Amino acid sequence: MAVKSQAVLQKAMPAPLCLLFWRACNFCMAFFFALAAYVQINDPDAGIWIVAYVIPAALSFLVGLNPPITDNFIWRSLSELHMYMCSMVAILWGWRLHQASTNNIFQEEEGREFLGLVIIVIWTLLCRHSGKHLGGFRLSIAVLITVLPFITWLYYYINKELRASWPDHCRNTI
C-alpha cells in the first residue's frame, strides 16, 4: 500500500527539469510584468495600469519561489479576482476595438492595453493549480507566452517607424 501511494505521489510531482523551466518562466514573467508596470509611469492613467501589472508580477514571483503556493487560499483568491477583473476590461476593450474596426491594434493605445490584459489573463490561468499539475502542454504554452512579450517588446523597441504614430507618453518608454 505504501509503495502504491509513493508511486502516486511521484506521478503527481513534476519532474525536476520541468519544475526548473516552470520556475524560470515565472521569474521571467514577473520581470516582464514589473517592467510593464514601470513603463506605465508616463501614462495618463498610470495608477490603474501599474496596479494591473504589479499584481501578476508579485503572483508570478511567488510561484517562481514556491510553485505549490497556487493552492494557497490567499494566492488563489487574489489571482482569480484579478483575472476576472482583467478579463472584463479585456472584453470591453476588445469590443471597443472591434466596433472601431481597428486593423492594427498595436497602433492604438487601447489595443496595446488589451493585449497586456490578455497576457495577464492567460498567464494567471496557466499558473492556477500549477503546483500540482505541471504537464508538458502547460510548460510548452508557458515558454511560448514567456518568450512572446519579450520578442514583441524588442521588435517595437528596434522599429522606431512603428512607434512614430504613438502618443508621446508611449514613445518615451523603454
N, C-alpha and C. Protein backbone atom coordinates (compact mmCIF):
# COMPACT_ATOMS: atom_id res chain seq x y z
N MET A 1 0.83 -1.19 0.00
CA MET A 1 0.00 0.00 0.00
C MET A 1 0.88 1.25 0.00
N ALA A 2 1.93 1.26 0.80
CA ALA A 2 2.81 2.42 0.88
C ALA A 2 3.53 2.65 -0.44
N VAL A 3 3.88 1.58 -1.14
CA VAL A 3 4.56 1.68 -2.43
C VAL A 3 3.62 2.32 -3.46
N LYS A 4 2.34 1.94 -3.42
CA LYS A 4 1.37 2.49 -4.35
C LYS A 4 1.18 3.99 -4.11
N SER A 5 1.06 4.42 -2.86
CA SER A 5 0.87 5.84 -2.57
C SER A 5 2.12 6.65 -2.93
N GLN A 6 3.29 6.03 -2.77
CA GLN A 6 4.52 6.72 -3.16
C GLN A 6 4.58 6.87 -4.67
N ALA A 7 4.14 5.88 -5.42
CA ALA A 7 4.11 5.97 -6.88
C ALA A 7 3.13 7.06 -7.34
N VAL A 8 2.01 7.18 -6.67
CA VAL A 8 1.02 8.22 -7.00
C VAL A 8 1.61 9.59 -6.70
N LEU A 9 2.32 9.72 -5.58
CA LEU A 9 2.96 10.99 -5.24
C LEU A 9 4.00 11.38 -6.27
N GLN A 10 4.83 10.41 -6.71
CA GLN A 10 5.85 10.71 -7.70
C GLN A 10 5.23 11.11 -9.03
N LYS A 11 4.11 10.49 -9.37
CA LYS A 11 3.44 10.81 -10.62
C LYS A 11 2.83 12.22 -10.56
N ALA A 12 2.35 12.64 -9.39
CA ALA A 12 1.74 13.96 -9.23
C ALA A 12 2.80 15.06 -9.18
N MET A 13 4.00 14.73 -8.74
CA MET A 13 5.06 15.72 -8.63
C MET A 13 5.71 15.92 -10.01
N PRO A 14 5.93 17.19 -10.39
CA PRO A 14 6.57 17.45 -11.68
C PRO A 14 8.04 17.04 -11.66
N ALA A 15 8.56 16.71 -12.83
CA ALA A 15 9.97 16.35 -12.95
C ALA A 15 10.83 17.57 -12.61
N PRO A 16 12.02 17.34 -12.07
CA PRO A 16 12.87 18.47 -11.66
C PRO A 16 13.18 19.44 -12.81
N LEU A 17 13.42 18.95 -14.01
CA LEU A 17 13.73 19.83 -15.13
C LEU A 17 12.51 20.66 -15.52
N CYS A 18 11.34 20.02 -15.53
CA CYS A 18 10.11 20.76 -15.83
C CYS A 18 9.87 21.84 -14.79
N LEU A 19 10.09 21.50 -13.54
CA LEU A 19 9.90 22.45 -12.45
C LEU A 19 10.88 23.62 -12.58
N LEU A 20 12.10 23.33 -12.98
CA LEU A 20 13.09 24.37 -13.18
C LEU A 20 12.65 25.33 -14.30
N PHE A 21 12.18 24.78 -15.42
CA PHE A 21 11.68 25.62 -16.51
C PHE A 21 10.47 26.43 -16.07
N TRP A 22 9.57 25.81 -15.33
CA TRP A 22 8.37 26.50 -14.86
C TRP A 22 8.75 27.67 -13.96
N ARG A 23 9.67 27.43 -13.05
CA ARG A 23 10.09 28.50 -12.14
C ARG A 23 10.79 29.62 -12.92
N ALA A 24 11.62 29.25 -13.90
CA ALA A 24 12.30 30.25 -14.72
C ALA A 24 11.29 31.08 -15.51
N CYS A 25 10.28 30.43 -16.07
CA CYS A 25 9.23 31.16 -16.79
C CYS A 25 8.52 32.14 -15.87
N ASN A 26 8.24 31.72 -14.65
CA ASN A 26 7.55 32.60 -13.70
C ASN A 26 8.43 33.78 -13.31
N PHE A 27 9.71 33.56 -13.12
CA PHE A 27 10.60 34.69 -12.81
C PHE A 27 10.70 35.64 -14.00
N CYS A 28 10.77 35.10 -15.21
CA CYS A 28 10.81 35.96 -16.41
C CYS A 28 9.51 36.76 -16.54
N MET A 29 8.38 36.12 -16.31
CA MET A 29 7.10 36.84 -16.41
C MET A 29 6.95 37.85 -15.28
N ALA A 30 7.47 37.54 -14.11
CA ALA A 30 7.45 38.52 -13.02
C ALA A 30 8.26 39.75 -13.44
N PHE A 31 9.40 39.51 -14.07
CA PHE A 31 10.22 40.62 -14.57
C PHE A 31 9.47 41.40 -15.66
N PHE A 32 8.84 40.68 -16.58
CA PHE A 32 8.08 41.34 -17.65
C PHE A 32 6.95 42.20 -17.08
N PHE A 33 6.17 41.64 -16.17
CA PHE A 33 5.06 42.40 -15.59
C PHE A 33 5.57 43.60 -14.79
N ALA A 34 6.69 43.43 -14.08
CA ALA A 34 7.27 44.56 -13.34
C ALA A 34 7.75 45.64 -14.31
N LEU A 35 8.36 45.22 -15.40
CA LEU A 35 8.80 46.17 -16.42
C LEU A 35 7.61 46.88 -17.06
N ALA A 36 6.55 46.13 -17.32
CA ALA A 36 5.33 46.72 -17.88
C ALA A 36 4.73 47.73 -16.91
N ALA A 37 4.79 47.43 -15.62
CA ALA A 37 4.29 48.38 -14.62
C ALA A 37 5.16 49.63 -14.60
N TYR A 38 6.46 49.45 -14.70
CA TYR A 38 7.38 50.58 -14.66
C TYR A 38 7.16 51.55 -15.83
N VAL A 39 6.95 51.03 -17.02
CA VAL A 39 6.80 51.92 -18.18
C VAL A 39 5.45 52.64 -18.19
N GLN A 40 4.57 52.31 -17.28
CA GLN A 40 3.28 52.99 -17.20
C GLN A 40 3.39 54.36 -16.53
N ILE A 41 4.55 54.69 -16.02
CA ILE A 41 4.74 55.94 -15.29
C ILE A 41 4.30 57.15 -16.12
N ASN A 42 4.57 57.14 -17.42
CA ASN A 42 4.23 58.26 -18.30
C ASN A 42 2.75 58.29 -18.67
N ASP A 43 2.03 57.22 -18.45
CA ASP A 43 0.65 57.10 -18.91
C ASP A 43 -0.28 58.02 -18.11
N PRO A 44 -1.28 58.61 -18.78
CA PRO A 44 -2.23 59.47 -18.05
C PRO A 44 -3.00 58.74 -16.94
N ASP A 45 -3.28 57.46 -17.14
CA ASP A 45 -3.97 56.68 -16.10
C ASP A 45 -3.02 55.62 -15.53
N ALA A 46 -1.84 56.09 -15.14
CA ALA A 46 -0.77 55.20 -14.70
C ALA A 46 -1.15 54.35 -13.49
N GLY A 47 -1.86 54.93 -12.53
CA GLY A 47 -2.18 54.20 -11.31
C GLY A 47 -2.90 52.89 -11.56
N ILE A 48 -3.86 52.92 -12.47
CA ILE A 48 -4.63 51.71 -12.80
C ILE A 48 -3.74 50.65 -13.40
N TRP A 49 -2.91 51.07 -14.36
CA TRP A 49 -2.10 50.09 -15.09
C TRP A 49 -0.93 49.59 -14.28
N ILE A 50 -0.38 50.41 -13.41
CA ILE A 50 0.70 49.94 -12.55
C ILE A 50 0.17 48.83 -11.64
N VAL A 51 -0.98 49.06 -11.03
CA VAL A 51 -1.59 48.03 -10.17
C VAL A 51 -1.92 46.78 -10.99
N ALA A 52 -2.44 46.99 -12.21
CA ALA A 52 -2.81 45.85 -13.06
C ALA A 52 -1.62 44.97 -13.37
N TYR A 53 -0.43 45.56 -13.48
CA TYR A 53 0.77 44.77 -13.79
C TYR A 53 1.56 44.33 -12.55
N VAL A 54 1.49 45.09 -11.47
CA VAL A 54 2.24 44.72 -10.26
C VAL A 54 1.66 43.45 -9.63
N ILE A 55 0.35 43.32 -9.66
CA ILE A 55 -0.27 42.13 -9.05
C ILE A 55 0.21 40.85 -9.73
N PRO A 56 0.14 40.70 -11.06
CA PRO A 56 0.65 39.47 -11.65
C PRO A 56 2.17 39.33 -11.51
N ALA A 57 2.88 40.46 -11.41
CA ALA A 57 4.32 40.38 -11.18
C ALA A 57 4.59 39.71 -9.83
N ALA A 58 3.87 40.15 -8.81
CA ALA A 58 4.06 39.58 -7.47
C ALA A 58 3.61 38.12 -7.43
N LEU A 59 2.46 37.83 -8.05
CA LEU A 59 1.96 36.45 -8.05
C LEU A 59 2.92 35.52 -8.79
N SER A 60 3.45 35.97 -9.92
CA SER A 60 4.41 35.15 -10.68
C SER A 60 5.70 34.95 -9.91
N PHE A 61 6.15 36.00 -9.25
CA PHE A 61 7.36 35.89 -8.45
C PHE A 61 7.18 34.85 -7.34
N LEU A 62 6.01 34.88 -6.70
CA LEU A 62 5.74 33.91 -5.65
C LEU A 62 5.68 32.48 -6.19
N VAL A 63 5.11 32.31 -7.36
CA VAL A 63 5.07 30.97 -7.97
C VAL A 63 6.48 30.52 -8.34
N GLY A 64 7.31 31.46 -8.79
CA GLY A 64 8.70 31.12 -9.09
C GLY A 64 9.45 30.66 -7.86
N LEU A 65 9.17 31.30 -6.73
CA LEU A 65 9.82 30.90 -5.48
C LEU A 65 9.29 29.57 -4.95
N ASN A 66 7.97 29.40 -5.03
CA ASN A 66 7.33 28.24 -4.42
C ASN A 66 6.10 27.84 -5.24
N PRO A 67 6.26 26.99 -6.27
CA PRO A 67 5.13 26.64 -7.14
C PRO A 67 3.87 26.14 -6.42
N PRO A 68 3.96 25.37 -5.33
CA PRO A 68 2.73 24.93 -4.67
C PRO A 68 1.91 26.06 -4.03
N ILE A 69 2.41 27.29 -4.05
CA ILE A 69 1.67 28.40 -3.46
C ILE A 69 0.34 28.62 -4.18
N THR A 70 0.20 28.09 -5.38
CA THR A 70 -1.05 28.27 -6.12
C THR A 70 -2.22 27.58 -5.43
N ASP A 71 -1.94 26.72 -4.47
CA ASP A 71 -3.00 26.09 -3.70
C ASP A 71 -3.38 26.89 -2.46
N ASN A 72 -2.62 27.94 -2.18
CA ASN A 72 -2.89 28.80 -1.03
C ASN A 72 -4.15 29.61 -1.30
N PHE A 73 -5.01 29.71 -0.30
CA PHE A 73 -6.30 30.41 -0.45
C PHE A 73 -6.12 31.88 -0.84
N ILE A 74 -5.20 32.56 -0.20
CA ILE A 74 -4.99 33.99 -0.47
C ILE A 74 -4.46 34.17 -1.89
N TRP A 75 -3.45 33.38 -2.28
CA TRP A 75 -2.90 33.48 -3.64
C TRP A 75 -4.00 33.21 -4.66
N ARG A 76 -4.74 32.15 -4.44
CA ARG A 76 -5.79 31.74 -5.40
C ARG A 76 -6.89 32.80 -5.47
N SER A 77 -7.30 33.34 -4.34
CA SER A 77 -8.36 34.36 -4.33
C SER A 77 -7.92 35.63 -5.04
N LEU A 78 -6.72 36.10 -4.72
CA LEU A 78 -6.21 37.31 -5.35
C LEU A 78 -6.04 37.11 -6.86
N SER A 79 -5.49 35.98 -7.26
CA SER A 79 -5.27 35.73 -8.69
C SER A 79 -6.59 35.62 -9.44
N GLU A 80 -7.57 34.95 -8.85
CA GLU A 80 -8.86 34.81 -9.53
C GLU A 80 -9.59 36.15 -9.62
N LEU A 81 -9.57 36.92 -8.56
CA LEU A 81 -10.21 38.24 -8.59
C LEU A 81 -9.56 39.12 -9.64
N HIS A 82 -8.23 39.13 -9.66
CA HIS A 82 -7.52 39.95 -10.64
C HIS A 82 -7.76 39.45 -12.07
N MET A 83 -7.78 38.14 -12.22
CA MET A 83 -8.03 37.57 -13.55
C MET A 83 -9.42 37.94 -14.05
N TYR A 84 -10.42 37.88 -13.18
CA TYR A 84 -11.78 38.22 -13.59
C TYR A 84 -11.88 39.70 -13.95
N MET A 85 -11.25 40.55 -13.16
CA MET A 85 -11.29 41.98 -13.46
C MET A 85 -10.59 42.28 -14.79
N CYS A 86 -9.43 41.68 -15.00
CA CYS A 86 -8.71 41.89 -16.26
C CYS A 86 -9.50 41.32 -17.43
N SER A 87 -10.16 40.20 -17.22
CA SER A 87 -10.98 39.61 -18.29
C SER A 87 -12.11 40.55 -18.69
N MET A 88 -12.76 41.14 -17.71
CA MET A 88 -13.87 42.05 -18.01
C MET A 88 -13.39 43.28 -18.78
N VAL A 89 -12.28 43.85 -18.35
CA VAL A 89 -11.75 45.02 -19.06
C VAL A 89 -11.27 44.62 -20.45
N ALA A 90 -10.65 43.45 -20.58
CA ALA A 90 -10.19 42.99 -21.90
C ALA A 90 -11.38 42.78 -22.83
N ILE A 91 -12.48 42.25 -22.33
CA ILE A 91 -13.68 42.07 -23.15
C ILE A 91 -14.21 43.43 -23.61
N LEU A 92 -14.25 44.38 -22.69
CA LEU A 92 -14.71 45.72 -23.06
C LEU A 92 -13.80 46.37 -24.09
N TRP A 93 -12.49 46.26 -23.87
CA TRP A 93 -11.53 46.84 -24.81
C TRP A 93 -11.61 46.13 -26.16
N GLY A 94 -11.73 44.81 -26.13
CA GLY A 94 -11.84 44.05 -27.37
C GLY A 94 -13.09 44.44 -28.16
N TRP A 95 -14.19 44.61 -27.46
CA TRP A 95 -15.44 45.02 -28.11
C TRP A 95 -15.28 46.43 -28.70
N ARG A 96 -14.65 47.29 -27.94
CA ARG A 96 -14.44 48.67 -28.42
C ARG A 96 -13.56 48.69 -29.66
N LEU A 97 -12.51 47.88 -29.65
CA LEU A 97 -11.63 47.80 -30.82
C LEU A 97 -12.36 47.19 -32.02
N HIS A 98 -13.19 46.21 -31.75
CA HIS A 98 -13.97 45.59 -32.82
C HIS A 98 -14.95 46.58 -33.42
N GLN A 99 -15.61 47.34 -32.58
CA GLN A 99 -16.59 48.34 -33.05
C GLN A 99 -15.90 49.43 -33.87
N ALA A 100 -14.68 49.77 -33.51
CA ALA A 100 -13.94 50.80 -34.24
C ALA A 100 -13.30 50.25 -35.51
N SER A 101 -13.46 48.95 -35.73
CA SER A 101 -12.88 48.27 -36.90
C SER A 101 -11.38 48.55 -37.03
N THR A 102 -10.70 48.41 -35.93
CA THR A 102 -9.27 48.64 -35.90
C THR A 102 -8.54 47.50 -36.60
N ASN A 103 -7.75 47.85 -37.60
CA ASN A 103 -7.00 46.83 -38.34
C ASN A 103 -5.72 46.41 -37.62
N ASN A 104 -5.00 47.38 -37.11
CA ASN A 104 -3.75 47.08 -36.42
C ASN A 104 -3.87 47.55 -34.98
N ILE A 105 -4.17 46.63 -34.10
CA ILE A 105 -4.42 47.01 -32.71
C ILE A 105 -3.18 47.52 -31.99
N PHE A 106 -1.99 47.22 -32.52
CA PHE A 106 -0.78 47.74 -31.88
C PHE A 106 -0.64 49.24 -32.06
N GLN A 107 -1.31 49.82 -33.04
CA GLN A 107 -1.24 51.25 -33.27
C GLN A 107 -2.15 52.04 -32.32
N GLU A 108 -3.08 51.36 -31.70
CA GLU A 108 -3.99 52.01 -30.75
C GLU A 108 -3.54 51.71 -29.32
N GLU A 109 -3.58 52.72 -28.48
CA GLU A 109 -3.20 52.51 -27.08
C GLU A 109 -4.10 51.46 -26.43
N GLU A 110 -5.38 51.50 -26.73
CA GLU A 110 -6.31 50.52 -26.18
C GLU A 110 -5.96 49.11 -26.66
N GLY A 111 -5.44 49.00 -27.87
CA GLY A 111 -5.04 47.70 -28.39
C GLY A 111 -3.86 47.12 -27.62
N ARG A 112 -2.90 47.96 -27.32
CA ARG A 112 -1.75 47.50 -26.53
C ARG A 112 -2.18 47.15 -25.11
N GLU A 113 -3.08 47.96 -24.56
CA GLU A 113 -3.60 47.66 -23.22
C GLU A 113 -4.39 46.36 -23.24
N PHE A 114 -5.17 46.14 -24.29
CA PHE A 114 -5.94 44.91 -24.46
C PHE A 114 -5.02 43.70 -24.48
N LEU A 115 -3.94 43.78 -25.25
CA LEU A 115 -3.01 42.65 -25.33
C LEU A 115 -2.30 42.41 -24.00
N GLY A 116 -2.00 43.48 -23.28
CA GLY A 116 -1.41 43.32 -21.95
C GLY A 116 -2.35 42.58 -21.01
N LEU A 117 -3.62 42.94 -21.07
CA LEU A 117 -4.62 42.27 -20.23
C LEU A 117 -4.79 40.80 -20.63
N VAL A 118 -4.74 40.53 -21.92
CA VAL A 118 -4.86 39.14 -22.39
C VAL A 118 -3.68 38.32 -21.88
N ILE A 119 -2.48 38.90 -21.92
CA ILE A 119 -1.30 38.18 -21.40
C ILE A 119 -1.47 37.92 -19.91
N ILE A 120 -1.96 38.90 -19.16
CA ILE A 120 -2.20 38.71 -17.72
C ILE A 120 -3.18 37.57 -17.49
N VAL A 121 -4.28 37.57 -18.22
CA VAL A 121 -5.32 36.54 -18.03
C VAL A 121 -4.77 35.16 -18.39
N ILE A 122 -4.10 35.05 -19.52
CA ILE A 122 -3.56 33.74 -19.94
C ILE A 122 -2.54 33.24 -18.93
N TRP A 123 -1.65 34.14 -18.48
CA TRP A 123 -0.62 33.71 -17.54
C TRP A 123 -1.24 33.29 -16.20
N THR A 124 -2.22 34.03 -15.75
CA THR A 124 -2.88 33.68 -14.49
C THR A 124 -3.58 32.33 -14.62
N LEU A 125 -4.21 32.09 -15.75
CA LEU A 125 -4.84 30.78 -15.98
C LEU A 125 -3.81 29.66 -15.98
N LEU A 126 -2.65 29.92 -16.58
CA LEU A 126 -1.60 28.90 -16.59
C LEU A 126 -1.08 28.60 -15.18
N CYS A 127 -1.03 29.62 -14.35
CA CYS A 127 -0.49 29.44 -13.00
C CYS A 127 -1.44 28.70 -12.06
N ARG A 128 -2.74 28.78 -12.33
CA ARG A 128 -3.70 28.13 -11.44
C ARG A 128 -3.40 26.64 -11.32
N HIS A 129 -3.29 26.16 -10.11
CA HIS A 129 -3.07 24.75 -9.78
C HIS A 129 -1.80 24.18 -10.42
N SER A 130 -0.87 25.03 -10.77
CA SER A 130 0.36 24.55 -11.41
C SER A 130 1.28 23.84 -10.42
N GLY A 131 1.07 24.03 -9.15
CA GLY A 131 1.87 23.33 -8.16
C GLY A 131 1.64 21.83 -8.17
N LYS A 132 0.44 21.43 -8.60
CA LYS A 132 0.10 20.01 -8.63
C LYS A 132 0.17 19.42 -10.04
N HIS A 133 -0.32 20.16 -11.00
CA HIS A 133 -0.50 19.61 -12.36
C HIS A 133 0.35 20.37 -13.36
N LEU A 134 1.62 20.09 -13.36
CA LEU A 134 2.53 20.74 -14.31
C LEU A 134 2.88 19.73 -15.39
N GLY A 135 2.16 19.83 -16.50
CA GLY A 135 2.39 18.90 -17.59
C GLY A 135 3.18 19.55 -18.71
N GLY A 136 3.51 18.73 -19.71
CA GLY A 136 4.28 19.20 -20.85
C GLY A 136 3.56 20.26 -21.65
N PHE A 137 2.23 20.12 -21.78
CA PHE A 137 1.46 21.09 -22.55
C PHE A 137 1.48 22.45 -21.86
N ARG A 138 1.25 22.46 -20.56
CA ARG A 138 1.26 23.71 -19.79
C ARG A 138 2.63 24.36 -19.87
N LEU A 139 3.66 23.57 -19.76
CA LEU A 139 5.02 24.10 -19.81
C LEU A 139 5.34 24.65 -21.19
N SER A 140 4.89 23.98 -22.24
CA SER A 140 5.12 24.48 -23.61
C SER A 140 4.43 25.82 -23.83
N ILE A 141 3.20 25.92 -23.39
CA ILE A 141 2.46 27.18 -23.52
C ILE A 141 3.15 28.25 -22.67
N ALA A 142 3.62 27.89 -21.51
CA ALA A 142 4.29 28.85 -20.63
C ALA A 142 5.55 29.41 -21.29
N VAL A 143 6.33 28.55 -21.90
CA VAL A 143 7.55 29.01 -22.58
C VAL A 143 7.18 29.95 -23.73
N LEU A 144 6.16 29.60 -24.49
CA LEU A 144 5.71 30.45 -25.60
C LEU A 144 5.23 31.81 -25.09
N ILE A 145 4.40 31.80 -24.06
CA ILE A 145 3.87 33.04 -23.50
C ILE A 145 4.99 33.87 -22.87
N THR A 146 5.99 33.22 -22.33
CA THR A 146 7.12 33.93 -21.72
C THR A 146 7.97 34.62 -22.78
N VAL A 147 8.22 33.95 -23.87
CA VAL A 147 9.10 34.49 -24.91
C VAL A 147 8.40 35.56 -25.74
N LEU A 148 7.13 35.38 -26.02
CA LEU A 148 6.40 36.27 -26.92
C LEU A 148 6.41 37.74 -26.50
N PRO A 149 6.12 38.11 -25.25
CA PRO A 149 6.14 39.54 -24.90
C PRO A 149 7.52 40.18 -25.05
N PHE A 150 8.58 39.42 -24.72
CA PHE A 150 9.92 39.98 -24.84
C PHE A 150 10.31 40.19 -26.30
N ILE A 151 9.92 39.27 -27.17
CA ILE A 151 10.20 39.42 -28.60
C ILE A 151 9.42 40.61 -29.15
N THR A 152 8.16 40.73 -28.77
CA THR A 152 7.33 41.84 -29.23
C THR A 152 7.90 43.16 -28.75
N TRP A 153 8.28 43.22 -27.49
CA TRP A 153 8.85 44.45 -26.93
C TRP A 153 10.14 44.82 -27.67
N LEU A 154 10.98 43.85 -27.93
CA LEU A 154 12.22 44.08 -28.66
C LEU A 154 11.93 44.58 -30.07
N TYR A 155 10.94 43.98 -30.73
CA TYR A 155 10.55 44.39 -32.08
C TYR A 155 10.11 45.85 -32.10
N TYR A 156 9.30 46.26 -31.15
CA TYR A 156 8.84 47.64 -31.10
C TYR A 156 9.95 48.59 -30.69
N TYR A 157 10.87 48.12 -29.89
CA TYR A 157 11.98 48.96 -29.49
C TYR A 157 12.91 49.23 -30.68
N ILE A 158 13.13 48.22 -31.51
CA ILE A 158 14.00 48.35 -32.68
C ILE A 158 13.31 49.13 -33.79
N ASN A 159 12.01 48.91 -33.98
CA ASN A 159 11.26 49.50 -35.08
C ASN A 159 10.73 50.89 -34.69
N LYS A 160 11.55 51.92 -34.88
CA LYS A 160 11.17 53.28 -34.49
C LYS A 160 10.07 53.85 -35.37
N GLU A 161 10.00 53.42 -36.62
CA GLU A 161 8.94 53.90 -37.53
C GLU A 161 7.56 53.49 -37.02
N LEU A 162 7.48 52.32 -36.45
CA LEU A 162 6.22 51.82 -35.93
C LEU A 162 5.75 52.64 -34.74
N ARG A 163 6.70 53.08 -33.93
CA ARG A 163 6.36 53.87 -32.74
C ARG A 163 6.10 55.34 -33.05
N ALA A 164 6.39 55.78 -34.27
CA ALA A 164 6.27 57.20 -34.61
C ALA A 164 4.85 57.75 -34.43
N SER A 165 3.84 56.93 -34.67
CA SER A 165 2.46 57.41 -34.56
C SER A 165 1.89 57.27 -33.15
N TRP A 166 2.65 56.75 -32.23
CA TRP A 166 2.18 56.58 -30.87
C TRP A 166 2.15 57.92 -30.14
N PRO A 167 1.33 58.05 -29.10
CA PRO A 167 1.35 59.27 -28.28
C PRO A 167 2.72 59.43 -27.60
N ASP A 168 3.03 60.66 -27.22
CA ASP A 168 4.34 60.94 -26.61
C ASP A 168 4.63 60.08 -25.39
N HIS A 169 3.63 59.86 -24.55
CA HIS A 169 3.88 59.09 -23.32
C HIS A 169 4.20 57.63 -23.63
N CYS A 170 3.86 57.14 -24.82
CA CYS A 170 4.18 55.77 -25.20
C CYS A 170 5.53 55.67 -25.90
N ARG A 171 5.92 56.73 -26.60
CA ARG A 171 7.18 56.69 -27.36
C ARG A 171 8.40 56.77 -26.47
N ASN A 172 8.27 57.36 -25.33
CA ASN A 172 9.43 57.59 -24.48
C ASN A 172 9.67 56.46 -23.48
N THR A 173 9.04 55.33 -23.67
CA THR A 173 9.23 54.22 -22.74
C THR A 173 10.47 53.42 -23.13
N ILE A 174 10.77 52.47 -22.34
CA ILE A 174 11.96 51.63 -22.56
C ILE A 174 11.91 50.98 -23.92
